Protein backbone atom coordinates (compact mmCIF):
# COMPACT_ATOMS: atom_id res chain seq x y z
CA UNK A 1 -0.10 -0.06 -0.08
CA UNK A 2 2.75 2.35 0.95
CA UNK A 3 4.64 1.55 -2.22
CA UNK A 4 1.48 2.26 -4.37
CA UNK A 5 0.91 5.55 -2.60
CA UNK A 6 4.60 6.59 -3.14
CA UNK A 7 4.42 5.56 -6.78
CA UNK A 8 1.33 7.73 -7.28
CA UNK A 9 2.82 10.52 -5.45
CA UNK A 10 5.99 10.50 -7.61
CA UNK A 11 3.93 10.14 -10.71
CA UNK A 12 1.78 13.25 -9.62
CA UNK A 13 5.04 15.22 -8.89
CA UNK A 14 6.36 14.19 -12.38
CA UNK A 15 3.29 15.55 -14.10
CA UNK A 16 3.16 18.62 -12.02
CA UNK A 17 6.84 19.46 -13.04
CA UNK A 18 6.18 18.97 -16.63
CA UNK A 19 3.10 21.15 -16.45
CA UNK A 20 5.21 23.81 -14.58
CA UNK A 21 7.88 23.68 -17.11
CA UNK A 22 5.85 23.51 -20.41
CA UNK A 23 2.55 25.25 -19.65
CA UNK A 24 4.07 28.78 -20.20
CA UNK A 25 5.40 27.57 -23.46
CA UNK A 26 2.03 26.29 -24.40
CA UNK A 27 0.36 29.58 -23.53
CA UNK A 28 2.85 31.43 -25.73
CA UNK A 29 2.11 29.04 -28.65
CA UNK A 30 -1.70 29.32 -28.11
CA UNK A 31 -1.73 33.24 -28.18
CA UNK A 32 0.58 33.19 -31.33
CA UNK A 33 -2.59 32.09 -33.08
CA UNK A 34 -4.83 34.69 -31.41
CA UNK A 35 -7.08 36.54 -33.84
CA UNK A 36 -6.99 39.91 -32.05
CA UNK A 37 -4.24 42.08 -30.89
CA UNK A 38 -4.87 41.16 -27.28
CA UNK A 39 -2.03 39.45 -25.41
CA UNK A 40 -4.50 38.65 -22.34
CA UNK A 41 -7.59 37.21 -24.03
CA UNK A 42 -7.82 34.58 -26.70
CA UNK A 43 -10.66 35.58 -29.06
CA UNK A 44 -10.21 33.17 -32.02
CA UNK A 45 -7.76 31.08 -34.17
CA UNK A 46 -5.88 32.86 -36.97
CA UNK A 47 -2.66 32.57 -38.90
CA UNK A 48 -2.37 36.20 -39.66
CA UNK A 49 0.55 36.72 -37.17
CA UNK A 50 2.64 34.12 -38.96
CA UNK A 51 1.72 35.76 -42.35
CA UNK A 52 2.98 39.02 -41.08
CA UNK A 53 6.24 37.63 -40.12
CA UNK A 54 6.88 36.68 -43.64
CA UNK A 55 6.48 40.28 -44.84
CA UNK A 56 8.48 41.74 -41.90
CA UNK A 57 12.01 42.48 -43.36
CA UNK A 58 13.51 43.33 -39.79
CA UNK A 59 12.37 39.84 -38.65
CA UNK A 60 13.67 38.09 -41.78
CA UNK A 61 16.97 39.81 -41.43
CA UNK A 62 17.20 38.94 -37.66
CA UNK A 63 16.25 35.31 -38.53
CA UNK A 64 19.03 35.12 -41.30
CA UNK A 65 21.48 36.64 -38.81
CA UNK A 66 20.69 34.03 -36.16
CA UNK A 67 20.89 31.12 -38.68
CA UNK A 68 24.22 32.33 -40.25
CA UNK A 69 25.63 32.97 -36.80
CA UNK A 70 24.50 29.63 -35.54
CA UNK A 71 25.73 27.55 -38.45
CA UNK A 72 29.15 29.36 -38.88
CA UNK A 73 30.00 29.39 -35.08
CA UNK A 74 28.89 25.89 -34.60
CA UNK A 75 31.07 24.63 -37.47
CA UNK A 76 34.20 26.53 -36.19
CA UNK A 77 33.51 25.39 -32.67
CA UNK A 78 33.18 21.75 -33.82
CA UNK A 79 36.62 21.74 -35.55
CA UNK A 80 38.39 23.46 -32.80
CA UNK A 81 36.65 21.66 -29.85
CA UNK A 82 37.18 18.24 -31.67
CA UNK A 83 40.90 18.89 -31.76
CA UNK A 84 41.07 20.02 -28.01
CA UNK A 85 38.86 17.04 -27.05
CA UNK A 86 41.32 14.61 -28.73
CA UNK A 87 44.21 16.50 -27.14
CA UNK A 88 42.69 16.13 -23.73
CA UNK A 89 42.23 12.41 -24.40
CA UNK A 90 45.86 11.91 -25.66
CA UNK A 91 47.31 13.71 -22.61
CA UNK A 92 44.76 12.52 -20.02
CA UNK A 93 47.48 10.87 -17.94
CA UNK A 94 49.35 14.00 -17.40
CA UNK A 95 48.62 16.51 -14.76
CA UNK A 96 46.58 18.92 -16.73
CA UNK A 97 44.11 20.13 -14.06
CA UNK A 98 44.69 23.64 -15.11
CA UNK A 99 43.53 22.75 -18.55
CA UNK A 100 40.36 21.29 -17.32
CA UNK A 101 39.70 24.46 -15.33
CA UNK A 102 40.15 26.62 -18.48
CA UNK A 103 37.77 24.43 -20.47
CA UNK A 104 35.02 24.58 -17.73
CA UNK A 105 35.34 28.22 -16.98
CA UNK A 106 33.36 29.56 -19.94
CA UNK A 107 30.55 27.04 -19.03
CA UNK A 108 30.26 28.12 -15.32
CA UNK A 109 30.96 31.79 -15.79
CA UNK A 110 27.84 33.96 -15.92
CA UNK A 111 26.81 34.95 -19.38
CA UNK A 112 26.73 38.69 -18.46
CA UNK A 113 30.24 38.62 -17.14
CA UNK A 114 31.42 36.73 -20.26
CA UNK A 115 29.55 39.13 -22.50
CA UNK A 116 30.83 42.24 -20.97
CA UNK A 117 34.45 40.90 -21.08
CA UNK A 118 34.16 40.01 -24.73
CA UNK A 119 32.66 43.51 -25.46
CA UNK A 120 35.46 45.22 -23.59
CA UNK A 121 38.02 43.13 -25.46
CA UNK A 122 36.60 43.83 -28.93
CA UNK A 123 36.24 47.53 -28.19
CA UNK A 124 39.85 47.75 -27.05
CA UNK A 125 41.17 45.80 -30.22
CA UNK A 126 39.03 47.92 -32.54
CA UNK A 127 40.34 51.20 -30.87
CA UNK A 128 44.04 50.10 -31.20
CA UNK A 129 43.93 48.21 -34.68
CA UNK A 130 40.67 49.20 -36.45
CA UNK A 131 39.72 45.41 -36.49
CA UNK A 132 36.91 43.54 -34.72
CA UNK A 133 34.22 46.25 -35.22
CA UNK A 134 31.04 45.12 -33.43
CA UNK A 135 28.99 42.99 -35.84
CA UNK A 136 28.45 39.45 -36.92
CA UNK A 137 32.24 38.97 -36.98
CA UNK A 138 32.51 39.75 -33.21
CA UNK A 139 29.40 37.70 -32.35
CA UNK A 140 30.84 34.58 -34.20
CA UNK A 141 34.07 34.76 -32.15
CA UNK A 142 32.14 35.31 -28.99
CA UNK A 143 29.81 32.35 -29.62
CA UNK A 144 32.74 30.19 -30.72
CA UNK A 145 34.49 30.74 -27.51
CA UNK A 146 31.53 29.56 -25.36
CA UNK A 147 30.60 26.66 -27.61
CA UNK A 148 34.15 25.11 -27.73
CA UNK A 149 34.02 23.84 -24.19
CA UNK A 150 30.78 21.83 -24.74
CA UNK A 151 32.18 20.32 -27.96
CA UNK A 152 35.57 19.42 -26.42
CA UNK A 153 33.90 17.85 -23.35
CA UNK A 154 31.55 15.72 -25.48
CA UNK A 155 34.32 14.53 -27.79
CA UNK A 156 36.57 13.87 -24.88
CA UNK A 157 33.94 11.74 -23.14
CA UNK A 158 33.36 9.81 -26.47
CA UNK A 159 37.25 9.03 -26.73
CA UNK A 160 37.42 7.99 -23.07
CA UNK A 161 34.58 5.56 -23.66
CA UNK A 162 36.64 3.77 -26.48
CA UNK A 163 38.87 0.64 -25.90
CA UNK A 164 42.55 1.94 -25.99
CA UNK A 165 43.43 -1.18 -27.62
CA UNK A 166 41.60 -0.08 -30.88
CA UNK A 167 44.23 2.59 -31.44
CA UNK A 168 46.99 0.14 -31.10
CA UNK A 169 45.15 -2.18 -33.50
CA UNK A 170 44.88 0.52 -36.07
CA UNK A 171 48.65 0.99 -35.84
CA UNK A 172 49.31 -2.69 -36.01
CA UNK A 173 47.49 -2.74 -39.23
CA UNK A 174 49.84 -0.23 -40.76
CA UNK A 175 47.27 2.52 -41.05
CA UNK A 176 48.88 5.99 -41.42
CA UNK A 177 47.83 8.84 -39.22
CA UNK A 178 45.57 10.27 -41.86
CA UNK A 179 43.88 6.86 -42.59
CA UNK A 180 43.37 6.39 -38.80
CA UNK A 181 41.70 9.64 -38.66
CA UNK A 182 39.50 9.07 -41.74
CA UNK A 183 38.67 5.47 -41.41
CA UNK A 184 38.76 4.93 -37.63
CA UNK A 185 38.43 8.03 -35.51
CA UNK A 186 35.91 10.14 -37.43
CA UNK A 187 33.42 7.11 -38.12
CA UNK A 188 33.81 6.18 -34.43
CA UNK A 189 33.11 9.57 -32.90
CA UNK A 190 30.51 10.75 -35.63
CA UNK A 191 27.69 10.49 -33.20
CA UNK A 192 29.43 12.73 -30.74
CA UNK A 193 30.32 15.17 -33.46
CA UNK A 194 26.66 15.53 -34.66
CA UNK A 195 25.51 15.78 -31.02
CA UNK A 196 28.12 18.50 -30.27
CA UNK A 197 27.17 20.39 -33.43
CA UNK A 198 23.40 20.36 -32.73
CA UNK A 199 24.11 21.38 -29.10
CA UNK A 200 26.33 24.34 -30.14
CA UNK A 201 23.62 25.24 -32.75
CA UNK A 202 20.95 25.34 -30.05
CA UNK A 203 23.14 27.25 -27.69
CA UNK A 204 23.71 29.83 -30.42
CA UNK A 205 20.23 30.28 -31.45
CA UNK A 206 19.04 30.58 -27.71
CA UNK A 207 21.71 32.94 -26.70
CA UNK A 208 20.81 36.59 -25.87
CA UNK A 209 23.18 38.11 -23.39
CA UNK A 210 26.51 37.41 -25.15
CA UNK A 211 24.98 38.32 -28.43
CA UNK A 212 23.55 41.59 -27.08
CA UNK A 213 27.06 42.67 -25.82
CA UNK A 214 28.94 41.88 -28.94
CA UNK A 215 26.36 42.77 -31.61
CA UNK A 216 26.48 45.70 -34.02
CA UNK A 217 23.73 47.87 -35.27
CA UNK A 218 23.09 45.69 -38.34
CA UNK A 219 23.65 42.30 -36.71
CA UNK A 220 20.48 41.90 -34.53
CA UNK A 221 19.51 38.28 -33.95
CA UNK A 222 16.00 36.97 -33.26
CA UNK A 223 16.47 37.09 -29.35
CA UNK A 224 17.74 40.64 -29.72
CA UNK A 225 14.88 41.63 -31.86
CA UNK A 226 12.37 40.12 -29.46
CA UNK A 227 13.91 41.99 -26.50
CA UNK A 228 13.62 45.22 -28.45
CA UNK A 229 10.10 44.77 -29.59
CA UNK A 230 8.79 43.32 -26.21
CA UNK A 231 9.54 46.83 -24.56
CA UNK A 232 6.68 48.00 -26.55
CA UNK A 233 4.43 45.31 -25.06
CA UNK A 234 3.69 41.60 -25.84
CA UNK A 235 1.96 41.03 -29.06
CA UNK A 236 0.76 37.88 -30.71
CA UNK A 237 3.51 38.72 -33.36
CA UNK A 238 6.08 38.21 -30.60
CA UNK A 239 4.37 35.12 -29.49
CA UNK A 240 4.60 33.68 -33.03
CA UNK A 241 8.39 34.35 -33.27
CA UNK A 242 8.81 32.77 -29.89
CA UNK A 243 6.73 29.76 -30.96
CA UNK A 244 8.92 29.24 -34.05
CA UNK A 245 12.01 29.51 -31.97
CA UNK A 246 10.65 27.05 -29.46
CA UNK A 247 9.87 24.59 -32.44
CA UNK A 248 13.18 25.02 -34.06
CA UNK A 249 15.05 24.41 -30.77
CA UNK A 250 12.83 21.40 -29.93
CA UNK A 251 13.46 19.89 -33.50
CA UNK A 252 17.31 20.38 -33.10
CA UNK A 253 17.27 18.91 -29.47
CA UNK A 254 15.18 15.91 -30.61
CA UNK A 255 17.58 15.21 -33.65
CA UNK A 256 20.55 15.66 -31.18
CA UNK A 257 18.91 13.12 -28.69
CA UNK A 258 18.33 10.60 -31.42
CA UNK A 259 21.97 10.64 -32.37
CA UNK A 260 23.07 10.40 -28.89
CA UNK A 261 20.95 7.34 -28.31
CA UNK A 262 22.34 5.69 -31.43
CA UNK A 263 25.81 6.54 -30.18
CA UNK A 264 25.10 4.82 -26.79
CA UNK A 265 23.55 1.85 -28.72
């Protein structure tokens, strides 16, 4: 009897937690289809706010900036982070505690501190050299810097899970370093690379604080556009943008989860 009561209590707590997490998102999605301009009362179902998005040049420009920023920064972070992750694995028996701290620092550092430091650095470099003017270029660099640790740790965890004798077997079969990379390492860690890319992509699309401090006047992303528009009040159009972002992030997260499960299998 006690076990059944405990099980029901835990089940109820589970559903309460899910409702607490996702009901606000459901409300945003519902009001994105609101027929009226009201953000507090649902009067009917309509697609007009999504139709208005397709004709809004500012939103389309912000969307293009977000996608371009996410794709480029995730690709660069994937390459650099993969090399760092492999280096951590190769030298894992050495005393490299300071390197682990440097890898974890961008993850645990508050976004606002990271964003302000990036902005101050870019401003000083631009003042002294004329390079790194705030814009998409500085945003890409900033996003790469906080994406690299996630990629490096995912790749490192994948290498640690491999049997070390596999590397020796590849050498015994006279595989050159390039062949070992192409025919052994990359296929083996491919699920980790895909998961790391999608995680980096999601973090980039979702980021606001770091993007806000490193953006230029012509490089606003969707989160920055939403922040600027919401100061005038929440409208169904903002809800529509948020709903599309929620759907995009959910799809990317689902794809990443699928590849992660395949990797574990």
